[in-house]
PDB file of N, CA and C in Angstrom:
ATOM      1  N   MET A   1     144.149 135.604 116.252  1.00  0.00           N
ATOM      2  CA  MET A   1     145.424 135.077 115.638  1.00  0.00           C
ATOM      3  C   MET A   1     146.171 136.242 115.082  1.00  0.00           C
ATOM      4  N   LYS A   2     147.502 136.310 115.386  1.00  0.00           N
ATOM      5  CA  LYS A   2     148.313 137.381 114.983  1.00  0.00           C
ATOM      6  C   LYS A   2     148.387 137.440 113.465  1.00  0.00           C
ATOM      7  N   GLY A   3     148.112 138.539 112.836  1.00  0.00           N
ATOM      8  CA  GLY A   3     148.230 138.672 111.431  1.00  0.00           C
ATOM      9  C   GLY A   3     147.007 138.241 110.659  1.00  0.00           C
ATOM     10  N   SER A   4     146.001 137.734 111.343  1.00  0.00           N
ATOM     11  CA  SER A   4     144.708 137.356 110.693  1.00  0.00           C
ATOM     12  C   SER A   4     143.775 138.546 110.564  1.00  0.00           C
ATOM     13  N   PRO A   5     143.121 138.621 109.420  1.00  0.00           N
ATOM     14  CA  PRO A   5     142.250 139.780 109.207  1.00  0.00           C
ATOM     15  C   PRO A   5     140.976 139.786 110.070  1.00  0.00           C
ATOM     16  N   THR A   6     140.647 138.612 110.692  1.00  0.00           N
ATOM     17  CA  THR A   6     139.427 138.507 111.559  1.00  0.00           C
ATOM     18  C   THR A   6     139.845 138.053 112.982  1.00  0.00           C
ATOM     19  N   ASP A   7     138.954 138.160 113.900  1.00  0.00           N
ATOM     20  CA  ASP A   7     139.120 137.627 115.197  1.00  0.00           C
ATOM     21  C   ASP A   7     139.023 136.109 115.187  1.00  0.00           C
ATOM     22  N   ASP A   8     139.548 135.490 116.260  1.00  0.00           N
ATOM     23  CA  ASP A   8     139.464 134.026 116.325  1.00  0.00           C
ATOM     24  C   ASP A   8     137.980 133.644 116.394  1.00  0.00           C
ATOM     25  N   PHE A   9     137.671 132.527 115.809  1.00  0.00           N
ATOM     26  CA  PHE A   9     136.335 131.987 115.888  1.00  0.00           C
ATOM     27  C   PHE A   9     136.249 130.923 116.977  1.00  0.00           C
ATOM     28  N   LYS A  10     135.427 131.194 117.955  1.00  0.00           N
ATOM     29  CA  LYS A  10     135.371 130.320 119.199  1.00  0.00           C
ATOM     30  C   LYS A  10     134.093 129.386 118.998  1.00  0.00           C
ATOM     31  N   PHE A  11     134.359 128.119 119.228  1.00  0.00           N
ATOM     32  CA  PHE A  11     133.169 127.193 119.124  1.00  0.00           C
ATOM     33  C   PHE A  11     132.400 127.267 120.425  1.00  0.00           C
ATOM     34  N   GLU A  12     131.164 127.425 120.308  1.00  0.00           N
ATOM     35  CA  GLU A  12     130.244 127.529 121.433  1.00  0.00           C
ATOM     36  C   GLU A  12     129.695 126.195 121.839  1.00  0.00           C
ATOM     37  N   ARG A  13     129.401 125.420 120.849  1.00  0.00           N
ATOM     38  CA  ARG A  13     128.770 124.094 121.095  1.00  0.00           C
ATOM     39  C   ARG A  13     129.049 123.156 120.007  1.00  0.00           C
ATOM     40  N   GLY A  14     128.913 121.870 120.176  1.00  0.00           N
ATOM     41  CA  GLY A  14     129.175 120.887 119.107  1.00  0.00           C
ATOM     42  C   GLY A  14     127.945 120.625 118.276  1.00  0.00           C
ATOM     43  N   LEU A  15     128.150 119.621 117.369  1.00  0.00           N
ATOM     44  CA  LEU A  15     127.032 119.207 116.535  1.00  0.00           C
ATOM     45  C   LEU A  15     126.136 118.249 117.319  1.00  0.00           C
ATOM     46  N   HIS A  16     124.902 118.291 116.988  1.00  0.00           N
ATOM     47  CA  HIS A  16     123.934 117.372 117.605  1.00  0.00           C
ATOM     48  C   HIS A  16     123.542 116.265 116.646  1.00  0.00           C
ATOM     49  N   HIS A  17     122.970 115.203 117.171  1.00  0.00           N
ATOM     50  CA  HIS A  17     122.594 114.053 116.342  1.00  0.00           C
ATOM     51  C   HIS A  17     121.754 114.409 115.141  1.00  0.00           C
ATOM     52  N   ARG A  18     120.794 115.294 115.244  1.00  0.00           N
ATOM     53  CA  ARG A  18     119.931 115.603 114.133  1.00  0.00           C
ATOM     54  C   ARG A  18     120.341 116.889 113.406  1.00  0.00           C
ATOM     55  N   ASP A  19     121.478 117.385 113.691  1.00  0.00           N
ATOM     56  CA  ASP A  19     121.984 118.548 113.025  1.00  0.00           C
ATOM     57  C   ASP A  19     122.086 118.252 111.497  1.00  0.00           C
ATOM     58  N   PRO A  20     121.502 119.152 110.613  1.00  0.00           N
ATOM     59  CA  PRO A  20     121.500 118.780 109.206  1.00  0.00           C
ATOM     60  C   PRO A  20     122.862 118.602 108.557  1.00  0.00           C
ATOM     61  N   ILE A  21     123.918 119.190 109.186  1.00  0.00           N
ATOM     62  CA  ILE A  21     125.266 119.074 108.585  1.00  0.00           C
ATOM     63  C   ILE A  21     126.001 117.803 109.008  1.00  0.00           C
ATOM     64  N   SER A  22     125.502 117.173 110.031  1.00  0.00           N
ATOM     65  CA  SER A  22     126.120 115.939 110.543  1.00  0.00           C
ATOM     66  C   SER A  22     126.397 114.829 109.508  1.00  0.00           C
ATOM     67  N   PRO A  23     125.358 114.479 108.743  1.00  0.00           N
ATOM     68  CA  PRO A  23     125.620 113.406 107.741  1.00  0.00           C
ATOM     69  C   PRO A  23     126.658 113.814 106.676  1.00  0.00           C
ATOM     70  N   PHE A  24     126.656 115.061 106.296  1.00  0.00           N
ATOM     71  CA  PHE A  24     127.656 115.538 105.361  1.00  0.00           C
ATOM     72  C   PHE A  24     129.089 115.429 105.941  1.00  0.00           C
ATOM     73  N   LEU A  25     129.267 115.859 107.148  1.00  0.00           N
ATOM     74  CA  LEU A  25     130.546 115.778 107.811  1.00  0.00           C
ATOM     75  C   LEU A  25     131.030 114.395 107.935  1.00  0.00           C
ATOM     76  N   TYR A  26     130.092 113.437 108.309  1.00  0.00           N
ATOM     77  CA  TYR A  26     130.419 112.059 108.375  1.00  0.00           C
ATOM     78  C   TYR A  26     130.826 111.530 107.040  1.00  0.00           C
ATOM     79  N   LEU A  27     130.146 111.872 105.921  1.00  0.00           N
ATOM     80  CA  LEU A  27     130.569 111.380 104.619  1.00  0.00           C
ATOM     81  C   LEU A  27     131.932 111.913 104.278  1.00  0.00           C
ATOM     82  N   LEU A  28     132.297 113.140 104.617  1.00  0.00           N
ATOM     83  CA  LEU A  28     133.560 113.655 104.385  1.00  0.00           C
ATOM     84  C   LEU A  28     134.660 112.823 105.092  1.00  0.00           C
ATOM     85  N   ALA A  29     134.418 112.514 106.330  1.00  0.00           N
ATOM     86  CA  ALA A  29     135.352 111.729 107.127  1.00  0.00           C
ATOM     87  C   ALA A  29     135.439 110.291 106.614  1.00  0.00           C
ATOM     88  N   ALA A  30     134.291 109.707 106.355  1.00  0.00           N
ATOM     89  CA  ALA A  30     134.232 108.354 105.940  1.00  0.00           C
ATOM     90  C   ALA A  30     134.813 108.117 104.512  1.00  0.00           C
ATOM     91  N   GLU A  31     134.928 109.194 103.790  1.00  0.00           N
ATOM     92  CA  GLU A  31     135.580 109.095 102.462  1.00  0.00           C
ATOM     93  C   GLU A  31     136.999 108.666 102.562  1.00  0.00           C
ATOM     94  N   GLY A  32     137.521 108.861 103.712  1.00  0.00           N
ATOM     95  CA  GLY A  32     138.884 108.348 103.992  1.00  0.00           C
ATOM     96  C   GLY A  32     139.023 106.829 103.892  1.00  0.00           C
ATOM     97  N   ILE A  33     137.926 106.099 104.169  1.00  0.00           N
ATOM     98  CA  ILE A  33     137.998 104.643 104.024  1.00  0.00           C
ATOM     99  C   ILE A  33     138.187 104.326 102.508  1.00  0.00           C
ATOM    100  N   ASN A  34     137.489 105.013 101.636  1.00  0.00           N
ATOM    101  CA  ASN A  34     137.663 104.874 100.197  1.00  0.00           C
ATOM    102  C   ASN A  34     139.068 105.082  99.775  1.00  0.00           C
ATOM    103  N   VAL A  35     139.640 106.151 100.236  1.00  0.00           N
ATOM    104  CA  VAL A  35     141.017 106.504  99.897  1.00  0.00           C
ATOM    105  C   VAL A  35     141.997 105.456 100.483  1.00  0.00           C
ATOM    106  N   LEU A  36     141.808 105.052 101.740  1.00  0.00           N
ATOM    107  CA  LEU A  36     142.696 104.110 102.410  1.00  0.00           C
ATOM    108  C   LEU A  36     142.584 102.738 101.796  1.00  0.00           C
ATOM    109  N   MET A  37     141.424 102.358 101.287  1.00  0.00           N
ATOM    110  CA  MET A  37     141.285 100.985 100.649  1.00  0.00           C
ATOM    111  C   MET A  37     142.024 100.903  99.338  1.00  0.00           C
ATOM    112  N   ASN A  38     142.240 102.062  98.675  1.00  0.00           N
ATOM    113  CA  ASN A  38     142.897 102.008  97.382  1.00  0.00           C
ATOM    114  C   ASN A  38     144.368 101.572  97.411  1.00  0.00           C
ATOM    115  N   ALA A  39     145.112 102.014  98.444  1.00  0.00           N
ATOM    116  CA  ALA A  39     146.533 101.690  98.538  1.00  0.00           C
ATOM    117  C   ALA A  39     146.818 100.216  98.612  1.00  0.00           C
ATOM    118  N   PRO A  40     146.202  99.458  99.591  1.00  0.00           N
ATOM    119  CA  PRO A  40     146.464  98.030  99.607  1.00  0.00           C
ATOM    120  C   PRO A  40     145.993  97.324  98.404  1.00  0.00           C
ATOM    121  N   MET A  41     144.993  97.780  97.743  1.00  0.00           N
ATOM    122  CA  MET A  41     144.543  97.113  96.516  1.00  0.00           C
ATOM    123  C   MET A  41     145.494  97.347  95.373  1.00  0.00           C
ATOM    124  N   GLU A  42     146.068  98.535  95.222  1.00  0.00           N
ATOM    125  CA  GLU A  42     147.080  98.817  94.223  1.00  0.00           C
ATOM    126  C   GLU A  42     148.300  98.031  94.427  1.00  0.00           C
ATOM    127  N   ASP A  43     148.731  97.829  95.718  1.00  0.00           N
ATOM    128  CA  ASP A  43     149.868  97.026  96.017  1.00  0.00           C
ATOM    129  C   ASP A  43     149.625  95.576  96.100  1.00  0.00           C
ATOM    130  N   GLU A  44     148.390  95.183  95.789  1.00  0.00           N
ATOM    131  CA  GLU A  44     147.969  93.782  95.852  1.00  0.00           C
ATOM    132  C   GLU A  44     148.133  93.178  97.217  1.00  0.00           C
ATOM    133  N   LEU A  45     147.967  93.965  98.272  1.00  0.00           N
ATOM    134  CA  LEU A  45     147.982  93.530  99.658  1.00  0.00           C
ATOM    135  C   LEU A  45     146.514  93.114 100.053  1.00  0.00           C
ATOM    136  N   PHE A  46     145.556  93.681  99.470  1.00  0.00           N
ATOM    137  CA  PHE A  46     144.134  93.297  99.661  1.00  0.00           C
ATOM    138  C   PHE A  46     143.601  92.938  98.331  1.00  0.00           C
ATOM    139  N   ILE A  47     143.083  91.693  98.299  1.00  0.00           N
ATOM    140  CA  ILE A  47     142.460  91.148  97.052  1.00  0.00           C
ATOM    141  C   ILE A  47     140.964  91.214  97.230  1.00  0.00           C
ATOM    142  N   GLU A  48     140.306  92.059  96.420  1.00  0.00           N
ATOM    143  CA  GLU A  48     138.853  92.217  96.499  1.00  0.00           C
ATOM    144  C   GLU A  48     138.136  91.040  95.929  1.00  0.00           C
ATOM    145  N   TYR A  49     136.808  90.984  96.178  1.00  0.00           N
ATOM    146  CA  TYR A  49     135.967  89.952  95.708  1.00  0.00           C
ATOM    147  C   TYR A  49     135.864  90.126  94.131  1.00  0.00           C
ATOM    148  N   SER A  50     135.827  89.011  93.483  1.00  0.00           N
ATOM    149  CA  SER A  50     135.747  88.996  91.985  1.00  0.00           C
ATOM    150  C   SER A  50     134.610  88.007  91.608  1.00  0.00           C
ATOM    151  N   SER A  51     133.702  88.456  90.755  1.00  0.00           N
ATOM    152  CA  SER A  51     132.728  87.523  90.225  1.00  0.00           C
ATOM    153  C   SER A  51     133.324  86.513  89.291  1.00  0.00           C
ATOM    154  N   CYS A  52     132.812  85.376  89.117  1.00  0.00           N
ATOM    155  CA  CYS A  52     133.391  84.344  88.264  1.00  0.00           C
ATOM    156  C   CYS A  52     132.822  84.319  86.889  1.00  0.00           C
ATOM    157  N   GLY A  53     132.010  85.322  86.492  1.00  0.00           N
ATOM    158  CA  GLY A  53     131.437  85.339  85.156  1.00  0.00           C
ATOM    159  C   GLY A  53     132.441  85.707  84.099  1.00  0.00           C
ATOM    160  N   SER A  54     131.931  85.797  82.918  1.00  0.00           N
ATOM    161  CA  SER A  54     132.775  86.128  81.748  1.00  0.00           C
ATOM    162  C   SER A  54     133.318  87.609  81.858  1.00  0.00           C
ATOM    163  N   ASN A  55     132.452  88.457  82.426  1.00  0.00           N
ATOM    164  CA  ASN A  55     132.907  89.856  82.694  1.00  0.00           C
ATOM    165  C   ASN A  55     133.119  90.038  84.128  1.00  0.00           C
ATOM    166  N   ASN A  56     134.405  89.753  84.622  1.00  0.00           N
ATOM    167  CA  ASN A  56     134.705  89.857  86.001  1.00  0.00           C
ATOM    168  C   ASN A  56     134.406  91.226  86.562  1.00  0.00           C
ATOM    169  N   ILE A  57     133.721  91.270  87.727  1.00  0.00           N
ATOM    170  CA  ILE A  57     133.429  92.500  88.430  1.00  0.00           C
ATOM    171  C   ILE A  57     134.161  92.444  89.719  1.00  0.00           C
ATOM    172  N   TYR A  58     135.023  93.416  90.014  1.00  0.00           N
ATOM    173  CA  TYR A  58     135.734  93.511  91.273  1.00  0.00           C
ATOM    174  C   TYR A  58     135.097  94.442  92.198  1.00  0.00           C
ATOM    175  N   VAL A  59     134.863  93.972  93.452  1.00  0.00           N
ATOM    176  CA  VAL A  59     134.249  94.807  94.505  1.00  0.00           C
ATOM    177  C   VAL A  59     135.047  94.709  95.781  1.00  0.00           C
ATOM    178  N   SER A  60     135.416  95.804  96.364  1.00  0.00           N
ATOM    179  CA  SER A  60     136.118  95.755  97.596  1.00  0.00           C
ATOM    180  C   SER A  60     135.342  96.300  98.750  1.00  0.00           C
ATOM    181  N   HIS A  61     134.444  97.301  98.491  1.00  0.00           N
ATOM    182  CA  HIS A  61     133.631  97.783  99.613  1.00  0.00           C
ATOM    183  C   HIS A  61     132.382  98.577  99.097  1.00  0.00           C
ATOM    184  N   PHE A  62     131.380  98.509  99.927  1.00  0.00           N
ATOM    185  CA  PHE A  62     130.158  99.261  99.738  1.00  0.00           C
ATOM    186  C   PHE A  62     129.990 100.173 100.959  1.00  0.00           C
ATOM    187  N   ARG A  63     129.410 101.356 100.737  1.00  0.00           N
ATOM    188  CA  ARG A  63     129.028 102.203 101.900  1.00  0.00           C
ATOM    189  C   ARG A  63     127.609 102.655 101.793  1.00  0.00           C
ATOM    190  N   PHE A  64     126.878 102.606 102.865  1.00  0.00           N
ATOM    191  CA  PHE A  64     125.455 103.033 102.853  1.00  0.00           C
ATOM    192  C   PHE A  64     125.245 103.677 104.229  1.00  0.00           C
ATOM    193  N   ASP A  65     124.901 105.011 104.200  1.00  0.00           N
ATOM    194  CA  ASP A  65     124.715 105.687 105.440  1.00  0.00           C
ATOM    195  C   ASP A  65     125.972 105.601 106.256  1.00  0.00           C
ATOM    196  N   ASP A  66     125.899 104.989 107.485  1.00  0.00           N
ATOM    197  CA  ASP A  66     127.053 104.862 108.351  1.00  0.00           C
ATOM    198  C   ASP A  66     127.504 103.441 108.362  1.00  0.00           C
ATOM    199  N   ASP A  67     127.124 102.626 107.401  1.00  0.00           N
ATOM    200  CA  ASP A  67     127.476 101.238 107.360  1.00  0.00           C
ATOM    201  C   ASP A  67     128.531 101.039 106.225  1.00  0.00           C
ATOM    202  N   THR A  68     129.437 100.119 106.453  1.00  0.00           N
ATOM    203  CA  THR A  68     130.423  99.762 105.361  1.00  0.00           C
ATOM    204  C   THR A  68     130.481  98.264 105.263  1.00  0.00           C
ATOM    205  N   ILE A  69     130.477  97.752 104.070  1.00  0.00           N
ATOM    206  CA  ILE A  69     130.571  96.354 103.827  1.00  0.00           C
ATOM    207  C   ILE A  69     131.866  96.167 103.001  1.00  0.00           C
ATOM    208  N   LEU A  70     132.781  95.372 103.595  1.00  0.00           N
ATOM    209  CA  LEU A  70     134.103  95.077 102.919  1.00  0.00           C
ATOM    210  C   LEU A  70     134.033  93.635 102.333  1.00  0.00           C
ATOM    211  N   LEU A  71     134.498  93.566 101.124  1.00  0.00           N
ATOM    212  CA  LEU A  71     134.468  92.260 100.436  1.00  0.00           C
ATOM    213  C   LEU A  71     135.867  91.916  99.890  1.00  0.00           C
ATOM    214  N   GLY A  72     136.298  90.697 100.242  1.00  0.00           N
ATOM    215  CA  GLY A  72     137.605  90.266  99.767  1.00  0.00           C
ATOM    216  C   GLY A  72     137.723  88.782  99.798  1.00  0.00           C
ATOM    217  N   VAL A  73     138.739  88.296  99.256  1.00  0.00           N
ATOM    218  CA  VAL A  73     139.070  86.829  99.265  1.00  0.00           C
ATOM    219  C   VAL A  73     139.483  86.433 100.671  1.00  0.00           C
ATOM    220  N   LYS A  74     139.365  85.163 101.004  1.00  0.00           N
ATOM    221  CA  LYS A  74     139.748  84.668 102.361  1.00  0.00           C
ATOM    222  C   LYS A  74     141.246  84.513 102.439  1.00  0.00           C
ATOM    223  N   SER A  75     141.891  85.431 103.100  1.00  0.00           N
ATOM    224  CA  SER A  75     143.325  85.341 103.320  1.00  0.00           C
ATOM    225  C   SER A  75     143.734  86.179 104.484  1.00  0.00           C
ATOM    226  N   TRP A  76     144.786  85.747 105.186  1.00  0.00           N
ATOM    227  CA  TRP A  76     145.316  86.500 106.277  1.00  0.00           C
ATOM    228  C   TRP A  76     145.878  87.884 105.867  1.00  0.00           C
ATOM    229  N   ALA A  77     146.327  87.934 104.623  1.00  0.00           N
ATOM    230  CA  ALA A  77     146.831  89.203 104.131  1.00  0.00           C
ATOM    231  C   ALA A  77     145.690  90.244 104.006  1.00  0.00           C
ATOM    232  N   ASN A  78     144.548  89.790 103.603  1.00  0.00           N
ATOM    233  CA  ASN A  78     143.350  90.625 103.570  1.00  0.00           C
ATOM    234  C   ASN A  78     143.023  91.157 104.961  1.00  0.00           C
ATOM    235  N   VAL A  79     143.027  90.220 105.955  1.00  0.00           N
ATOM    236  CA  VAL A  79     142.701  90.578 107.337  1.00  0.00           C
ATOM    237  C   VAL A  79     143.711  91.665 107.863  1.00  0.00           C
ATOM    238  N   ARG A  80     145.003  91.373 107.610  1.00  0.00           N
ATOM    239  CA  ARG A  80     145.964  92.336 108.036  1.00  0.00           C
ATOM    240  C   ARG A  80     145.811  93.681 107.354  1.00  0.00           C
ATOM    241  N   SER A  81     145.540  93.675 106.075  1.00  0.00           N
ATOM    242  CA  SER A  81     145.351  94.975 105.384  1.00  0.00           C
ATOM    243  C   SER A  81     144.138  95.711 105.914  1.00  0.00           C
ATOM    244  N   LEU A  82     143.062  95.034 106.212  1.00  0.00           N
ATOM    245  CA  LEU A  82     141.921  95.689 106.799  1.00  0.00           C
ATOM    246  C   LEU A  82     142.255  96.302 108.133  1.00  0.00           C
ATOM    247  N   LYS A  83     142.982  95.566 108.942  1.00  0.00           N
ATOM    248  CA  LYS A  83     143.391  96.061 110.269  1.00  0.00           C
ATOM    249  C   LYS A  83     144.168  97.335 110.115  1.00  0.00           C
ATOM    250  N   VAL A  84     145.076  97.354 109.149  1.00  0.00           N
ATOM    251  CA  VAL A  84     145.907  98.603 108.902  1.00  0.00           C
ATOM    252  C   VAL A  84     144.969  99.775 108.476  1.00  0.00           C
ATOM    253  N   VAL A  85     144.039  99.431 107.588  1.00  0.00           N
ATOM    254  CA  VAL A  85     143.147 100.489 107.104  1.00  0.00           C
ATOM    255  C   VAL A  85     142.292 101.059 108.291  1.00  0.00           C
ATOM    256  N   PHE A  86     141.800 100.199 109.128  1.00  0.00           N
ATOM    257  CA  PHE A  86     140.993 100.684 110.291  1.00  0.00           C
ATOM    258  C   PHE A  86     141.888 101.489 111.243  1.00  0.00           C
ATOM    259  N   ILE A  87     143.041 101.057 111.547  1.00  0.00           N
ATOM    260  CA  ILE A  87     143.957 101.833 112.406  1.00  0.00           C
ATOM    261  C   ILE A  87     144.286 103.194 111.792  1.00  0.00           C
ATOM    262  N   LEU A  88     144.603 103.286 110.531  1.00  0.00           N
ATOM    263  CA  LEU A  88     144.912 104.503 109.896  1.00  0.00           C
ATOM    264  C   LEU A  88     143.643 105.402 109.879  1.00  0.00           C
ATOM    265  N   PHE A  89     142.512 104.811 109.592  1.00  0.00           N
ATOM    266  CA  PHE A  89     141.309 105.620 109.549  1.00  0.00           C
ATOM    267  C   PHE A  89     140.989 106.247 110.968  1.00  0.00           C
ATOM    268  N   GLU A  90     141.227 105.483 112.033  1.00  0.00           N
ATOM    269  CA  GLU A  90     140.986 106.035 113.398  1.00  0.00           C
ATOM    270  C   GLU A  90     142.003 107.105 113.670  1.00  0.00           C
ATOM    271  N   LEU A  91     143.308 106.957 113.276  1.00  0.00           N
ATOM    272  CA  LEU A  91     144.267 108.008 113.522  1.00  0.00           C
ATOM    273  C   LEU A  91     144.029 109.243 112.721  1.00  0.00           C
ATOM    274  N   ILE A  92     143.568 109.094 111.493  1.00  0.00           N
ATOM    275  CA  ILE A  92     143.395 110.271 110.677  1.00  0.00           C
ATOM    276  C   ILE A  92     142.072 110.988 111.025  1.00  0.00           C
ATOM    277  N   SER A  93     141.008 110.246 111.216  1.00  0.00           N
ATOM    278  CA  SER A  93     139.732 110.914 111.347  1.00  0.00           C
ATOM    279  C   SER A  93     139.343 111.195 112.801  1.00  0.00           C
ATOM    280  N   ASP A  94     139.988 110.587 113.758  1.00  0.00           N
ATOM    281  CA  ASP A  94     139.658 110.633 115.146  1.00  0.00           C
ATOM    282  C   ASP A  94     138.257 110.020 115.439  1.00  0.00           C
ATOM    283  N   LEU A  95     137.829 109.202 114.494  1.00  0.00           N
ATOM    284  CA  LEU A  95     136.631 108.424 114.715  1.00  0.00           C
ATOM    285  C   LEU A  95     137.041 106.976 115.077  1.00  0.00           C
ATOM    286  N   LYS A  96     136.262 106.231 115.800  1.00  0.00           N
ATOM    287  CA  LYS A  96     136.571 104.937 116.254  1.00  0.00           C
ATOM    288  C   LYS A  96     135.692 103.946 115.582  1.00  0.00           C
ATOM    289  N   VAL A  97     136.246 102.823 115.125  1.00  0.00           N
ATOM    290  CA  VAL A  97     135.503 101.697 114.558  1.00  0.00           C
ATOM    291  C   VAL A  97     134.966 100.895 115.800  1.00  0.00           C
ATOM    292  N   ASN A  98     133.635 100.701 115.772  1.00  0.00           N
ATOM    293  CA  ASN A  98     133.005  99.990 116.825  1.00  0.00           C
ATOM    294  C   ASN A  98     132.976  98.472 116.432  1.00  0.00           C
ATOM    295  N   PHE A  99     133.963  97.753 116.961  1.00  0.00           N
ATOM    296  CA  PHE A  99     134.048  96.306 116.682  1.00  0.00           C
ATOM    297  C   PHE A  99     132.981  95.514 117.373  1.00  0.00           C
ATOM    298  N   ASN A 100     132.369  96.071 118.397  1.00  0.00           N
ATOM    299  CA  ASN A 100     131.273  95.351 119.045  1.00  0.00           C
ATOM    300  C   ASN A 100     130.076  95.281 118.189  1.00  0.00           C
ATOM    301  N   LYS A 101     129.920  96.280 117.240  1.00  0.00           N
ATOM    302  CA  LYS A 101     128.765  96.286 116.351  1.00  0.00           C
ATOM    303  C   LYS A 101     129.140  95.692 114.984  1.00  0.00           C
ATOM    304  N   SER A 102     130.374  95.341 114.790  1.00  0.00           N
ATOM    305  CA  SER A 102     130.857  94.802 113.582  1.00  0.00           C
ATOM    306  C   SER A 102     130.649  93.293 113.529  1.00  0.00           C
ATOM    307  N   MET A 103     130.476  92.780 112.317  1.00  0.00           N
ATOM    308  CA  MET A 103     130.324  91.380 112.102  1.00  0.00           C
ATOM    309  C   MET A 103     131.202  90.880 110.982  1.00  0.00           C
ATOM    310  N   LEU A 104     131.712  89.646 111.075  1.00  0.00           N
ATOM    311  CA  LEU A 104     132.484  89.040 110.078  1.00  0.00           C
ATOM    312  C   LEU A 104     131.755  87.822 109.564  1.00  0.00           C
ATOM    313  N   PHE A 105     131.551  87.787 108.218  1.00  0.00           N
ATOM    314  CA  PHE A 105     130.881  86.711 107.654  1.00  0.00           C
ATOM    315  C   PHE A 105     131.802  86.013 106.671  1.00  0.00           C
ATOM    316  N   GLY A 106     131.780  84.750 106.627  1.00  0.00           N
ATOM    317  CA  GLY A 106     132.642  84.028 105.621  1.00  0.00           C
ATOM    318  C   GLY A 106     131.779  83.137 104.712  1.00  0.00           C
ATOM    319  N   PHE A 107     132.050  83.199 103.503  1.00  0.00           N
ATOM    320  CA  PHE A 107     131.327  82.368 102.518  1.00  0.00           C
ATOM    321  C   PHE A 107     132.400  81.371 101.986  1.00  0.00           C
ATOM    322  N   ASN A 108     132.077  80.095 101.949  1.00  0.00           N
ATOM    323  CA  ASN A 108     133.014  79.090 101.557  1.00  0.00           C
ATOM    324  C   ASN A 108     134.193  79.063 102.437  1.00  0.00           C
ATOM    325  N   ALA A 109     133.983  79.395 103.731  1.00  0.00           N
ATOM    326  CA  ALA A 109     135.140  79.304 104.692  1.00  0.00           C
ATOM    327  C   ALA A 109     134.699  78.416 105.816  1.00  0.00           C
ATOM    328  N   VAL A 110     135.641  77.643 106.347  1.00  0.00           N
ATOM    329  CA  VAL A 110     135.334  76.734 107.475  1.00  0.00           C
ATOM    330  C   VAL A 110     135.084  77.539 108.745  1.00  0.00           C
ATOM    331  N   GLU A 111     134.321  76.989 109.609  1.00  0.00           N
ATOM    332  CA  GLU A 111     133.928  77.757 110.902  1.00  0.00           C
ATOM    333  C   GLU A 111     135.200  78.128 111.643  1.00  0.00           C
ATOM    334  N   SER A 112     136.158  77.306 111.768  1.00  0.00           N
ATOM    335  CA  SER A 112     137.346  77.559 112.602  1.00  0.00           C
ATOM    336  C   SER A 112     138.148  78.752 112.018  1.00  0.00           C
ATOM    337  N   TRP A 113     137.966  79.072 110.738  1.00  0.00           N
ATOM    338  CA  TRP A 113     138.720  80.238 110.230  1.00  0.00           C
ATOM    339  C   TRP A 113     138.045  81.492 110.635  1.00  0.00           C
ATOM    340  N   MET A 114     136.789  81.473 110.908  1.00  0.00           N
ATOM    341  CA  MET A 114     135.967  82.721 111.258  1.00  0.00           C
ATOM    342  C   MET A 114     136.162  83.107 112.737  1.00  0.00           C
ATOM    343  N   VAL A 115     136.660  82.288 113.577  1.00  0.00           N
ATOM    344  CA  VAL A 115     136.739  82.567 115.013  1.00  0.00           C
ATOM    345  C   VAL A 115     137.860  83.453 115.295  1.00  0.00           C
TER     346      VAL A 115
END
């Protein structure tokens, strides 16, 4: 690179499945979901799950390894917000959400709403 104090660094090979840095790089990329989930919640476009006890606890998502659990109230606004989050995540990270491995569960929702 012109004006650079060193020569260009050329990639010789990519990361492998068991490469020790792979989980760390995934966590850096997946942190984008945390950031992207904040905007719709602040604008009240995504309403997270709330416990009904005296001390309400609000939960929108959990992450464990390469799995993510998203929790929210049953509404089309939440579904649209999540779709926007996934699209933005794919554009920003160049990772793809595998909807074939994804599942949608509904609690206190009629079966026709889940299809």
